[in-house]
């Protein structure tokens, strides 16, 4: 994995920041917000109250929206970079 990442960094040089930004916006939101809340909700939904279910749903929606916004901003910056 490290060799693959290093190879992509060498090949794409200036564009590597955009690749990592896409990776970070998708992977970061999934790992930080969506998966923990979804797993917590799946395993404990019958044992917890409405407040905790609402919190988990909020975190899932927040992660999805954050990931979409991150991808959109990165794609917009890529288009600007490649257009000039």
PDB file of N, CA and C in Angstrom:
ATOM      1  N   UNK A   1       0.826  -1.190   0.000  1.00  0.00           N
ATOM      2  CA  UNK A   1       0.000   0.000   0.000  1.00  0.00           C
ATOM      3  C   UNK A   1       0.876   1.261   0.000  1.00  0.00           C
ATOM      4  N   UNK A   2       1.937   1.223   0.778  1.00  0.00           N
ATOM      5  CA  UNK A   2       2.838   2.374   0.838  1.00  0.00           C
ATOM      6  C   UNK A   2       3.551   2.563  -0.496  1.00  0.00           C
ATOM      7  N   UNK A   3       3.986   1.472  -1.107  1.00  0.00           N
ATOM      8  CA  UNK A   3       4.663   1.552  -2.401  1.00  0.00           C
ATOM      9  C   UNK A   3       3.695   2.069  -3.470  1.00  0.00           C
ATOM     10  N   UNK A   4       2.464   1.611  -3.434  1.00  0.00           N
ATOM     11  CA  UNK A   4       1.462   2.086  -4.388  1.00  0.00           C
ATOM     12  C   UNK A   4       1.213   3.582  -4.219  1.00  0.00           C
ATOM     13  N   UNK A   5       1.081   4.026  -3.000  1.00  0.00           N
ATOM     14  CA  UNK A   5       0.862   5.454  -2.736  1.00  0.00           C
ATOM     15  C   UNK A   5       2.066   6.279  -3.184  1.00  0.00           C
ATOM     16  N   UNK A   6       3.263   5.787  -2.904  1.00  0.00           N
ATOM     17  CA  UNK A   6       4.470   6.494  -3.329  1.00  0.00           C
ATOM     18  C   UNK A   6       4.567   6.548  -4.850  1.00  0.00           C
ATOM     19  N   UNK A   7       4.202   5.478  -5.523  1.00  0.00           N
ATOM     20  CA  UNK A   7       4.228   5.459  -6.983  1.00  0.00           C
ATOM     21  C   UNK A   7       3.234   6.457  -7.561  1.00  0.00           C
ATOM     22  N   UNK A   8       2.036   6.497  -7.013  1.00  0.00           N
ATOM     23  CA  UNK A   8       1.033   7.465  -7.473  1.00  0.00           C
ATOM     24  C   UNK A   8       1.525   8.885  -7.215  1.00  0.00           C
ATOM     25  N   UNK A   9       2.177   9.117  -6.091  1.00  0.00           N
ATOM     26  CA  UNK A   9       2.700  10.446  -5.773  1.00  0.00           C
ATOM     27  C   UNK A   9       3.775  10.872  -6.766  1.00  0.00           C
ATOM     28  N   UNK A  10       4.621   9.946  -7.160  1.00  0.00           N
ATOM     29  CA  UNK A  10       5.691  10.273  -8.106  1.00  0.00           C
ATOM     30  C   UNK A  10       5.117  10.512  -9.505  1.00  0.00           C
ATOM     31  N   UNK A  11       4.162   9.690  -9.899  1.00  0.00           N
ATOM     32  CA  UNK A  11       3.601   9.804 -11.243  1.00  0.00           C
ATOM     33  C   UNK A  11       2.767  11.076 -11.391  1.00  0.00           C
ATOM     34  N   UNK A  12       1.942  11.386 -10.407  1.00  0.00           N
ATOM     35  CA  UNK A  12       1.022  12.506 -10.543  1.00  0.00           C
ATOM     36  C   UNK A  12       1.522  13.809  -9.937  1.00  0.00           C
ATOM     37  N   UNK A  13       2.626  13.831  -9.272  1.00  0.00           N
ATOM     38  CA  UNK A  13       3.284  14.985  -8.653  1.00  0.00           C
ATOM     39  C   UNK A  13       2.323  16.083  -8.190  1.00  0.00           C
ATOM     40  N   UNK A  14       1.972  17.024  -9.051  1.00  0.00           N
ATOM     41  CA  UNK A  14       1.159  18.177  -8.648  1.00  0.00           C
ATOM     42  C   UNK A  14      -0.298  17.799  -8.372  1.00  0.00           C
ATOM     43  N   UNK A  15      -0.797  16.770  -9.010  1.00  0.00           N
ATOM     44  CA  UNK A  15      -2.187  16.371  -8.842  1.00  0.00           C
ATOM     45  C   UNK A  15      -2.383  15.425  -7.654  1.00  0.00           C
ATOM     46  N   UNK A  16      -1.318  14.996  -7.012  1.00  0.00           N
ATOM     47  CA  UNK A  16      -1.425  14.056  -5.900  1.00  0.00           C
ATOM     48  C   UNK A  16      -2.209  14.648  -4.732  1.00  0.00           C
ATOM     49  N   UNK A  17      -2.119  15.949  -4.547  1.00  0.00           N
ATOM     50  CA  UNK A  17      -2.870  16.599  -3.463  1.00  0.00           C
ATOM     51  C   UNK A  17      -4.372  16.428  -3.678  1.00  0.00           C
ATOM     52  N   UNK A  18      -4.812  16.478  -4.914  1.00  0.00           N
ATOM     53  CA  UNK A  18      -6.232  16.297  -5.204  1.00  0.00           C
ATOM     54  C   UNK A  18      -6.664  14.855  -4.971  1.00  0.00           C
ATOM     55  N   UNK A  19      -5.796  13.921  -5.330  1.00  0.00           N
ATOM     56  CA  UNK A  19      -6.111  12.510  -5.094  1.00  0.00           C
ATOM     57  C   UNK A  19      -6.253  12.251  -3.595  1.00  0.00           C
ATOM     58  N   UNK A  20      -5.352  12.768  -2.819  1.00  0.00           N
ATOM     59  CA  UNK A  20      -5.421  12.585  -1.367  1.00  0.00           C
ATOM     60  C   UNK A  20      -6.586  13.344  -0.748  1.00  0.00           C
ATOM     61  N   UNK A  21      -6.937  14.480  -1.314  1.00  0.00           N
ATOM     62  CA  UNK A  21      -8.103  15.220  -0.806  1.00  0.00           C
ATOM     63  C   UNK A  21      -9.385  14.428  -1.042  1.00  0.00           C
ATOM     64  N   UNK A  22      -9.507  13.800  -2.209  1.00  0.00           N
ATOM     65  CA  UNK A  22     -10.665  12.949  -2.468  1.00  0.00           C
ATOM     66  C   UNK A  22     -10.682  11.754  -1.523  1.00  0.00           C
ATOM     67  N   UNK A  23      -9.525  11.151  -1.359  1.00  0.00           N
ATOM     68  CA  UNK A  23      -9.406  10.011  -0.448  1.00  0.00           C
ATOM     69  C   UNK A  23      -9.766  10.418   0.981  1.00  0.00           C
ATOM     70  N   UNK A  24      -9.297  11.564   1.412  1.00  0.00           N
ATOM     71  CA  UNK A  24      -9.573  12.040   2.765  1.00  0.00           C
ATOM     72  C   UNK A  24     -11.021  12.402   2.977  1.00  0.00           C
ATOM     73  N   UNK A  25     -11.637  13.042   1.976  1.00  0.00           N
ATOM     74  CA  UNK A  25     -13.033  13.423   2.181  1.00  0.00           C
ATOM     75  C   UNK A  25     -13.964  12.229   2.186  1.00  0.00           C
ATOM     76  N   UNK A  26     -13.656  11.242   1.394  1.00  0.00           N
ATOM     77  CA  UNK A  26     -14.518  10.052   1.386  1.00  0.00           C
ATOM     78  C   UNK A  26     -14.180   9.151   2.572  1.00  0.00           C
ATOM     79  N   UNK A  27     -12.913   8.777   2.681  1.00  0.00           N
ATOM     80  CA  UNK A  27     -12.506   7.848   3.739  1.00  0.00           C
ATOM     81  C   UNK A  27     -12.620   8.420   5.132  1.00  0.00           C
ATOM     82  N   UNK A  28     -12.268   9.689   5.272  1.00  0.00           N
ATOM     83  CA  UNK A  28     -12.330  10.311   6.591  1.00  0.00           C
ATOM     84  C   UNK A  28     -13.737  10.421   7.132  1.00  0.00           C
ATOM     85  N   UNK A  29     -14.658  10.820   6.277  1.00  0.00           N
ATOM     86  CA  UNK A  29     -16.039  10.942   6.748  1.00  0.00           C
ATOM     87  C   UNK A  29     -16.646   9.581   7.061  1.00  0.00           C
ATOM     88  N   UNK A  30     -16.284   8.578   6.266  1.00  0.00           N
ATOM     89  CA  UNK A  30     -16.816   7.238   6.527  1.00  0.00           C
ATOM     90  C   UNK A  30     -16.250   6.686   7.834  1.00  0.00           C
ATOM     91  N   UNK A  31     -14.938   6.800   8.019  1.00  0.00           N
ATOM     92  CA  UNK A  31     -14.309   6.228   9.215  1.00  0.00           C
ATOM     93  C   UNK A  31     -14.581   7.016  10.491  1.00  0.00           C
ATOM     94  N   UNK A  32     -14.755   8.319  10.371  1.00  0.00           N
ATOM     95  CA  UNK A  32     -14.917   9.132  11.576  1.00  0.00           C
ATOM     96  C   UNK A  32     -16.365   9.296  12.010  1.00  0.00           C
ATOM     97  N   UNK A  33     -17.280   9.358  11.060  1.00  0.00           N
ATOM     98  CA  UNK A  33     -18.663   9.660  11.411  1.00  0.00           C
ATOM     99  C   UNK A  33     -19.635   8.532  11.091  1.00  0.00           C
ATOM    100  N   UNK A  34     -19.594   8.030   9.876  1.00  0.00           N
ATOM    101  CA  UNK A  34     -20.646   7.130   9.413  1.00  0.00           C
ATOM    102  C   UNK A  34     -20.548   5.749  10.049  1.00  0.00           C
ATOM    103  N   UNK A  35     -19.397   5.095   9.929  1.00  0.00           N
ATOM    104  CA  UNK A  35     -19.276   3.722  10.442  1.00  0.00           C
ATOM    105  C   UNK A  35     -19.484   3.596  11.951  1.00  0.00           C
ATOM    106  N   UNK A  36     -18.843   4.432  12.775  1.00  0.00           N
ATOM    107  CA  UNK A  36     -19.074   4.262  14.217  1.00  0.00           C
ATOM    108  C   UNK A  36     -20.542   4.441  14.612  1.00  0.00           C
ATOM    109  N   UNK A  37     -21.187   5.453  14.040  1.00  0.00           N
ATOM    110  CA  UNK A  37     -22.594   5.684  14.381  1.00  0.00           C
ATOM    111  C   UNK A  37     -23.480   4.560  13.847  1.00  0.00           C
ATOM    112  N   UNK A  38     -23.195   4.072  12.643  1.00  0.00           N
ATOM    113  CA  UNK A  38     -24.004   2.996  12.074  1.00  0.00           C
ATOM    114  C   UNK A  38     -23.831   1.695  12.856  1.00  0.00           C
ATOM    115  N   UNK A  39     -22.610   1.404  13.257  1.00  0.00           N
ATOM    116  CA  UNK A  39     -22.363   0.191  14.047  1.00  0.00           C
ATOM    117  C   UNK A  39     -23.037   0.299  15.413  1.00  0.00           C
ATOM    118  N   UNK A  40     -22.912   1.463  16.055  1.00  0.00           N
ATOM    119  CA  UNK A  40     -23.557   1.664  17.351  1.00  0.00           C
ATOM    120  C   UNK A  40     -25.067   1.517  17.230  1.00  0.00           C
ATOM    121  N   UNK A  41     -25.614   2.091  16.176  1.00  0.00           N
ATOM    122  CA  UNK A  41     -27.055   2.008  15.950  1.00  0.00           C
ATOM    123  C   UNK A  41     -27.491   0.574  15.660  1.00  0.00           C
ATOM    124  N   UNK A  42     -26.707  -0.148  14.887  1.00  0.00           N
ATOM    125  CA  UNK A  42     -27.077  -1.523  14.527  1.00  0.00           C
ATOM    126  C   UNK A  42     -27.061  -2.456  15.736  1.00  0.00           C
ATOM    127  N   UNK A  43     -26.091  -2.275  16.624  1.00  0.00           N
ATOM    128  CA  UNK A  43     -25.951  -3.200  17.743  1.00  0.00           C
ATOM    129  C   UNK A  43     -26.799  -2.834  18.956  1.00  0.00           C
ATOM    130  N   UNK A  44     -27.178  -1.569  19.095  1.00  0.00           N
ATOM    131  CA  UNK A  44     -27.854  -1.159  20.329  1.00  0.00           C
ATOM    132  C   UNK A  44     -29.195  -0.461  20.115  1.00  0.00           C
ATOM    133  N   UNK A  45     -29.768  -0.530  18.912  1.00  0.00           N
ATOM    134  CA  UNK A  45     -30.981   0.257  18.652  1.00  0.00           C
ATOM    135  C   UNK A  45     -32.172  -0.155  19.513  1.00  0.00           C
ATOM    136  N   UNK A  46     -32.203  -1.391  19.994  1.00  0.00           N
ATOM    137  CA  UNK A  46     -33.322  -1.825  20.827  1.00  0.00           C
ATOM    138  C   UNK A  46     -33.097  -1.539  22.319  1.00  0.00           C
ATOM    139  N   UNK A  47     -31.876  -1.154  22.674  1.00  0.00           N
ATOM    140  CA  UNK A  47     -31.539  -0.941  24.074  1.00  0.00           C
ATOM    141  C   UNK A  47     -31.393   0.530  24.450  1.00  0.00           C
ATOM    142  N   UNK A  48     -31.260   1.414  23.462  1.00  0.00           N
ATOM    143  CA  UNK A  48     -30.992   2.822  23.758  1.00  0.00           C
ATOM    144  C   UNK A  48     -32.239   3.664  23.523  1.00  0.00           C
ATOM    145  N   UNK A  49     -32.187   4.875  24.029  1.00  0.00           N
ATOM    146  CA  UNK A  49     -33.330   5.773  23.904  1.00  0.00           C
ATOM    147  C   UNK A  49     -33.347   6.527  22.588  1.00  0.00           C
ATOM    148  N   UNK A  50     -34.391   7.317  22.449  1.00  0.00           N
ATOM    149  CA  UNK A  50     -34.612   8.090  21.223  1.00  0.00           C
ATOM    150  C   UNK A  50     -33.500   9.111  21.012  1.00  0.00           C
ATOM    151  N   UNK A  51     -32.986   9.709  22.095  1.00  0.00           N
ATOM    152  CA  UNK A  51     -31.925  10.702  21.977  1.00  0.00           C
ATOM    153  C   UNK A  51     -30.688  10.106  21.312  1.00  0.00           C
ATOM    154  N   UNK A  52     -30.282   8.926  21.718  1.00  0.00           N
ATOM    155  CA  UNK A  52     -29.080   8.304  21.163  1.00  0.00           C
ATOM    156  C   UNK A  52     -29.304   7.834  19.729  1.00  0.00           C
ATOM    157  N   UNK A  53     -30.510   7.391  19.419  1.00  0.00           N
ATOM    158  CA  UNK A  53     -30.825   7.032  18.035  1.00  0.00           C
ATOM    159  C   UNK A  53     -30.769   8.283  17.153  1.00  0.00           C
ATOM    160  N   UNK A  54     -31.310   9.381  17.642  1.00  0.00           N
ATOM    161  CA  UNK A  54     -31.253  10.646  16.905  1.00  0.00           C
ATOM    162  C   UNK A  54     -29.834  11.131  16.716  1.00  0.00           C
ATOM    163  N   UNK A  55     -29.005  10.975  17.759  1.00  0.00           N
ATOM    164  CA  UNK A  55     -27.599  11.372  17.668  1.00  0.00           C
ATOM    165  C   UNK A  55     -26.878  10.569  16.601  1.00  0.00           C
ATOM    166  N   UNK A  56     -27.114   9.267  16.575  1.00  0.00           N
ATOM    167  CA  UNK A  56     -26.464   8.415  15.583  1.00  0.00           C
ATOM    168  C   UNK A  56     -26.921   8.763  14.166  1.00  0.00           C
ATOM    169  N   UNK A  57     -28.198   9.011  13.998  1.00  0.00           N
ATOM    170  CA  UNK A  57     -28.708   9.389  12.672  1.00  0.00           C
ATOM    171  C   UNK A  57     -28.129  10.737  12.253  1.00  0.00           C
ATOM    172  N   UNK A  58     -28.036  11.678  13.192  1.00  0.00           N
ATOM    173  CA  UNK A  58     -27.423  12.977  12.890  1.00  0.00           C
ATOM    174  C   UNK A  58     -25.975  12.807  12.452  1.00  0.00           C
ATOM    175  N   UNK A  59     -25.203  11.970  13.151  1.00  0.00           N
ATOM    176  CA  UNK A  59     -23.807  11.757  12.786  1.00  0.00           C
ATOM    177  C   UNK A  59     -23.667  11.102  11.409  1.00  0.00           C
ATOM    178  N   UNK A  60     -24.552  10.180  11.093  1.00  0.00           N
ATOM    179  CA  UNK A  60     -24.512   9.537   9.781  1.00  0.00           C
ATOM    180  C   UNK A  60     -24.804  10.564   8.679  1.00  0.00           C
ATOM    181  N   UNK A  61     -25.843  11.365   8.881  1.00  0.00           N
ATOM    182  CA  UNK A  61     -26.191  12.389   7.887  1.00  0.00           C
ATOM    183  C   UNK A  61     -25.084  13.428   7.782  1.00  0.00           C
ATOM    184  N   UNK A  62     -24.520  13.831   8.917  1.00  0.00           N
ATOM    185  CA  UNK A  62     -23.428  14.806   8.921  1.00  0.00           C
ATOM    186  C   UNK A  62     -22.221  14.265   8.157  1.00  0.00           C
ATOM    187  N   UNK A  63     -21.892  12.997   8.345  1.00  0.00           N
ATOM    188  CA  UNK A  63     -20.778  12.381   7.629  1.00  0.00           C
ATOM    189  C   UNK A  63     -21.020  12.307   6.140  1.00  0.00           C
ATOM    190  N   UNK A  64     -22.239  11.962   5.750  1.00  0.00           N
ATOM    191  CA  UNK A  64     -22.566  11.896   4.322  1.00  0.00           C
ATOM    192  C   UNK A  64     -22.486  13.282   3.687  1.00  0.00           C
ATOM    193  N   UNK A  65     -23.075  14.269   4.336  1.00  0.00           N
ATOM    194  CA  UNK A  65     -23.043  15.637   3.801  1.00  0.00           C
ATOM    195  C   UNK A  65     -21.607  16.163   3.769  1.00  0.00           C
ATOM    196  N   UNK A  66     -20.844  15.920   4.821  1.00  0.00           N
ATOM    197  CA  UNK A  66     -19.450  16.358   4.846  1.00  0.00           C
ATOM    198  C   UNK A  66     -18.618  15.713   3.751  1.00  0.00           C
ATOM    199  N   UNK A  67     -18.828  14.439   3.516  1.00  0.00           N
ATOM    200  CA  UNK A  67     -18.108  13.755   2.444  1.00  0.00           C
ATOM    201  C   UNK A  67     -18.465  14.303   1.078  1.00  0.00           C
ATOM    202  N   UNK A  68     -19.755  14.566   0.861  1.00  0.00           N
ATOM    203  CA  UNK A  68     -20.192  15.118  -0.422  1.00  0.00           C
ATOM    204  C   UNK A  68     -19.630  16.520  -0.633  1.00  0.00           C
ATOM    205  N   UNK A  69     -19.664  17.337   0.404  1.00  0.00           N
ATOM    206  CA  UNK A  69     -19.122  18.698   0.295  1.00  0.00           C
ATOM    207  C   UNK A  69     -17.616  18.654   0.035  1.00  0.00           C
ATOM    208  N   UNK A  70     -16.909  17.778   0.732  1.00  0.00           N
ATOM    209  CA  UNK A  70     -15.467  17.645   0.509  1.00  0.00           C
ATOM    210  C   UNK A  70     -15.134  17.220  -0.907  1.00  0.00           C
ATOM    211  N   UNK A  71     -15.879  16.264  -1.437  1.00  0.00           N
ATOM    212  CA  UNK A  71     -15.655  15.822  -2.820  1.00  0.00           C
ATOM    213  C   UNK A  71     -15.985  16.942  -3.797  1.00  0.00           C
ATOM    214  N   UNK A  72     -17.090  17.652  -3.550  1.00  0.00           N
ATOM    215  CA  UNK A  72     -17.486  18.737  -4.456  1.00  0.00           C
ATOM    216  C   UNK A  72     -16.445  19.849  -4.490  1.00  0.00           C
ATOM    217  N   UNK A  73     -15.932  20.231  -3.332  1.00  0.00           N
ATOM    218  CA  UNK A  73     -14.915  21.288  -3.279  1.00  0.00           C
ATOM    219  C   UNK A  73     -13.637  20.830  -3.971  1.00  0.00           C
ATOM    220  N   UNK A  74     -13.246  19.588  -3.759  1.00  0.00           N
ATOM    221  CA  UNK A  74     -12.037  19.072  -4.391  1.00  0.00           C
ATOM    222  C   UNK A  74     -12.189  19.014  -5.905  1.00  0.00           C
ATOM    223  N   UNK A  75     -13.329  18.547  -6.385  1.00  0.00           N
ATOM    224  CA  UNK A  75     -13.560  18.488  -7.834  1.00  0.00           C
ATOM    225  C   UNK A  75     -13.569  19.895  -8.426  1.00  0.00           C
ATOM    226  N   UNK A  76     -14.181  20.844  -7.720  1.00  0.00           N
ATOM    227  CA  UNK A  76     -14.188  22.226  -8.197  1.00  0.00           C
ATOM    228  C   UNK A  76     -12.769  22.775  -8.305  1.00  0.00           C
ATOM    229  N   UNK A  77     -11.936  22.517  -7.316  1.00  0.00           N
ATOM    230  CA  UNK A  77     -10.549  22.976  -7.356  1.00  0.00           C
ATOM    231  C   UNK A  77      -9.759  22.274  -8.458  1.00  0.00           C
ATOM    232  N   UNK A  78     -10.043  20.991  -8.692  1.00  0.00           N
ATOM    233  CA  UNK A  78      -9.372  20.267  -9.770  1.00  0.00           C
ATOM    234  C   UNK A  78      -9.727  20.872 -11.125  1.00  0.00           C
ATOM    235  N   UNK A  79     -10.994  21.198 -11.327  1.00  0.00           N
ATOM    236  CA  UNK A  79     -11.425  21.781 -12.588  1.00  0.00           C
ATOM    237  C   UNK A  79     -10.752  23.132 -12.793  1.00  0.00           C
ATOM    238  N   UNK A  80     -10.680  23.952 -11.758  1.00  0.00           N
ATOM    239  CA  UNK A  80     -10.011  25.246 -11.857  1.00  0.00           C
ATOM    240  C   UNK A  80      -8.529  25.074 -12.177  1.00  0.00           C
ATOM    241  N   UNK A  81      -7.877  24.108 -11.540  1.00  0.00           N
ATOM    242  CA  UNK A  81      -6.455  23.866 -11.743  1.00  0.00           C
ATOM    243  C   UNK A  81      -6.179  23.414 -13.173  1.00  0.00           C
ATOM    244  N   UNK A  82      -6.981  22.503 -13.671  1.00  0.00           N
ATOM    245  CA  UNK A  82      -6.739  21.952 -14.995  1.00  0.00           C
ATOM    246  C   UNK A  82      -7.198  22.892 -16.107  1.00  0.00           C
ATOM    247  N   UNK A  83      -8.132  23.796 -15.807  1.00  0.00           N
ATOM    248  CA  UNK A  83      -8.588  24.756 -16.806  1.00  0.00           C
ATOM    249  C   UNK A  83      -7.543  25.848 -17.063  1.00  0.00           C
ATOM    250  N   UNK A  84      -6.741  26.152 -16.060  1.00  0.00           N
ATOM    251  CA  UNK A  84      -5.738  27.206 -16.245  1.00  0.00           C
ATOM    252  C   UNK A  84      -4.376  26.673 -16.606  1.00  0.00           C
TER     253      UNK A  84
END
